[in-house]
Protein backbone atom coordinates (compact mmCIF):
# COMPACT_ATOMS: atom_id res chain seq x y z
CA MET A 1 3.74 -39.39 -183.25
CA ASP A 2 5.12 -36.23 -184.90
CA LEU A 3 1.71 -35.67 -186.49
CA LEU A 4 0.06 -35.80 -183.05
CA TYR A 5 2.42 -33.09 -181.73
CA LEU A 6 1.75 -30.99 -184.80
CA PHE A 7 -2.02 -31.18 -184.13
CA LEU A 8 -1.51 -30.35 -180.45
CA VAL A 9 0.64 -27.31 -181.28
CA ALA A 10 -1.87 -26.16 -183.92
CA GLY A 11 -4.76 -26.61 -181.46
CA ALA A 12 -2.92 -24.65 -178.77
CA ALA A 13 -2.11 -21.86 -181.25
CA ILE A 14 -5.78 -21.65 -182.28
CA ALA A 15 -6.90 -21.57 -178.64
CA ILE A 16 -4.42 -18.81 -177.79
CA TRP A 17 -5.45 -16.82 -180.88
CA ARG A 18 -9.16 -17.05 -179.90
CA ILE A 19 -8.41 -15.93 -176.35
CA VAL A 20 -6.39 -12.95 -177.57
CA THR A 21 -9.09 -11.88 -180.06
CA GLN A 22 -11.83 -12.19 -177.42
CA VAL A 23 -9.85 -10.07 -174.94
CA ARG A 24 -9.14 -7.42 -177.60
CA ARG A 25 -12.80 -7.35 -178.64
CA GLY A 26 -13.84 -6.83 -175.02
CA ALA A 27 -11.29 -4.08 -174.50
CA SER A 28 -12.35 -2.20 -177.63
CA ARG A 29 -16.01 -1.97 -176.56
CA PRO A 30 -16.94 1.42 -175.14
CA GLN A 31 -17.45 1.49 -171.40
CA ASP A 32 -20.99 1.50 -170.09
CA ASP A 33 -22.04 5.14 -170.04
CA TRP A 34 -24.91 6.65 -168.05
CA ASP A 35 -25.54 9.38 -170.64
CA GLN A 36 -25.81 6.84 -173.44
CA ARG A 37 -28.16 4.57 -171.45
CA MET A 38 -30.35 7.56 -170.58
CA ILE A 39 -30.67 8.63 -174.22
CA GLU A 40 -31.44 5.05 -175.31
CA ASN A 41 -34.15 4.81 -172.62
CA LEU A 42 -35.65 8.10 -173.81
CA ARG A 43 -35.68 6.87 -177.41
CA ARG A 44 -37.49 3.70 -176.32
CA SER A 45 -40.06 5.80 -174.47
CA GLY A 46 -40.86 7.71 -177.67
CA ILE A 47 -38.88 10.93 -177.27
CA ASN A 48 -37.28 12.10 -180.49
CA PRO A 49 -33.66 12.91 -179.56
CA PHE A 50 -33.17 14.81 -182.82
CA GLN A 51 -35.77 17.46 -181.97
CA PRO A 52 -34.41 20.35 -179.90
CA MET A 53 -35.37 19.84 -176.29
CA GLU A 54 -34.82 21.60 -173.02
CA VAL A 55 -32.29 19.66 -170.96
CA ASP A 56 -31.88 20.28 -167.23
CA PHE A 57 -28.37 19.88 -165.82
CA PHE A 58 -27.66 19.81 -162.10
CA VAL A 59 -24.49 20.74 -160.22
CA ALA A 60 -24.11 20.68 -156.43
CA ALA A 61 -21.93 23.40 -154.90
CA PRO A 62 -20.42 23.62 -151.40
CA SER A 63 -21.29 27.29 -150.85
CA LEU A 64 -23.35 30.15 -152.23
CA GLU A 65 -20.16 31.79 -153.52
CA ALA A 66 -19.18 28.64 -155.46
CA ALA A 67 -22.74 28.34 -156.79
CA ASN A 68 -22.69 31.97 -157.97
CA THR A 69 -19.33 31.45 -159.71
CA LEU A 70 -20.67 28.34 -161.46
CA ALA A 71 -23.86 30.17 -162.41
CA GLN A 72 -21.97 33.09 -163.94
CA THR A 73 -19.76 30.75 -165.98
CA LEU A 74 -22.75 28.75 -167.22
CA GLN A 75 -24.73 31.88 -168.11
CA GLY A 76 -21.76 32.99 -170.19
CA GLU A 77 -21.93 29.65 -172.00
CA GLY A 78 -25.61 30.06 -172.90
CA TYR A 79 -27.42 28.31 -170.06
CA ALA A 80 -30.44 29.65 -168.19
CA VAL A 81 -29.41 29.24 -164.54
CA ASP A 82 -30.98 29.32 -161.10
CA ILE A 83 -29.56 28.49 -157.68
CA ARG A 84 -31.38 26.75 -154.87
CA GLU A 85 -30.34 26.16 -151.30
CA MET A 86 -30.23 22.51 -150.19
CA PRO A 87 -30.60 22.58 -146.41
CA GLU A 88 -30.34 18.78 -146.20
CA GLY A 89 -27.00 18.80 -148.02
CA ALA A 90 -24.17 18.31 -145.54
CA ASP A 91 -21.19 19.25 -147.68
CA GLN A 92 -22.98 20.47 -150.83
CA THR A 93 -25.33 23.20 -149.63
CA HIS A 94 -26.47 24.69 -152.95
CA SER A 95 -27.77 23.32 -156.23
CA VAL A 96 -27.16 25.02 -159.56
CA HIS A 97 -29.82 24.19 -162.12
CA ALA A 98 -28.69 24.91 -165.69
CA LEU A 99 -31.18 24.74 -168.57
CA LYS A 100 -30.15 24.51 -172.21
CA THR A 101 -32.07 23.72 -175.38
CA MET A 102 -30.23 21.11 -177.42
CA GLN A 103 -30.58 17.88 -179.35
CA LEU A 104 -29.86 14.72 -177.39
CA HIS A 105 -26.89 13.51 -179.44
CA ILE A 106 -24.71 11.29 -177.30
CA GLU A 107 -21.51 13.17 -178.17
CA ALA A 108 -23.07 16.55 -177.30
CA VAL A 109 -24.50 15.32 -174.00
CA GLN A 110 -21.22 13.64 -173.04
CA ALA A 111 -19.32 16.85 -173.85
CA VAL A 112 -21.64 18.88 -171.61
CA SER A 113 -21.34 16.27 -168.84
CA ARG A 114 -17.54 16.39 -169.03
CA ARG A 115 -17.57 20.21 -168.98
CA LEU A 116 -19.92 20.39 -166.00
CA THR A 117 -17.91 17.75 -164.16
CA GLU A 118 -14.75 19.84 -164.65
CA LEU A 119 -16.49 23.04 -163.49
CA ALA A 120 -18.02 21.30 -160.47
CA GLU A 121 -14.74 19.73 -159.37
CA ALA A 122 -12.91 23.06 -159.75
CA ALA A 123 -15.51 24.66 -157.45
CA GLY A 124 -15.38 21.83 -154.90
CA GLY A 125 -18.79 20.53 -155.96
CA ARG A 126 -20.11 17.63 -158.00
CA TYR A 127 -22.01 17.17 -161.23
CA ASP A 128 -25.35 15.48 -160.50
CA GLY A 129 -26.45 14.62 -164.03
CA TRP A 130 -29.23 15.73 -166.33
CA ALA A 131 -32.86 15.16 -167.14
CA PRO A 132 -34.93 15.87 -170.23
CA GLY A 133 -37.22 18.85 -170.18
CA ALA A 134 -39.85 19.80 -172.76
CA GLU A 135 -39.43 18.94 -176.43
CA LYS A 136 -39.44 22.02 -178.68
CA GLN A 137 -41.52 21.90 -181.83
CA ALA A 138 -39.61 23.04 -184.91
């Protein structure tokens, strides 16, 4: 009978150990990231992410003044910028389009997305994401 209890305790310990390792493995996986999925989709479609490419970033702003402030900051950081009015936008009335030539490395794109999110939130706007432009030939 003691041997039966020993096997039950060992089986329970193994089961608990497997549950703990599965939970830890799930927690250590990076969260699903839109930037990463976008780059993977572009790679599958044949775009070479290691070639410099024009990347269009979009930020919505609540006013022309906020859009101008964002545009000036982004120009100082090396972006080509233009502002467009969005008459259909209820609370975000202007769109700042920022163009930058860069390689589509996930870390670089995520850093730009974080930066633009911070700038947009500080101005009362929102970061609307990015899209690939034309690939530059080296």
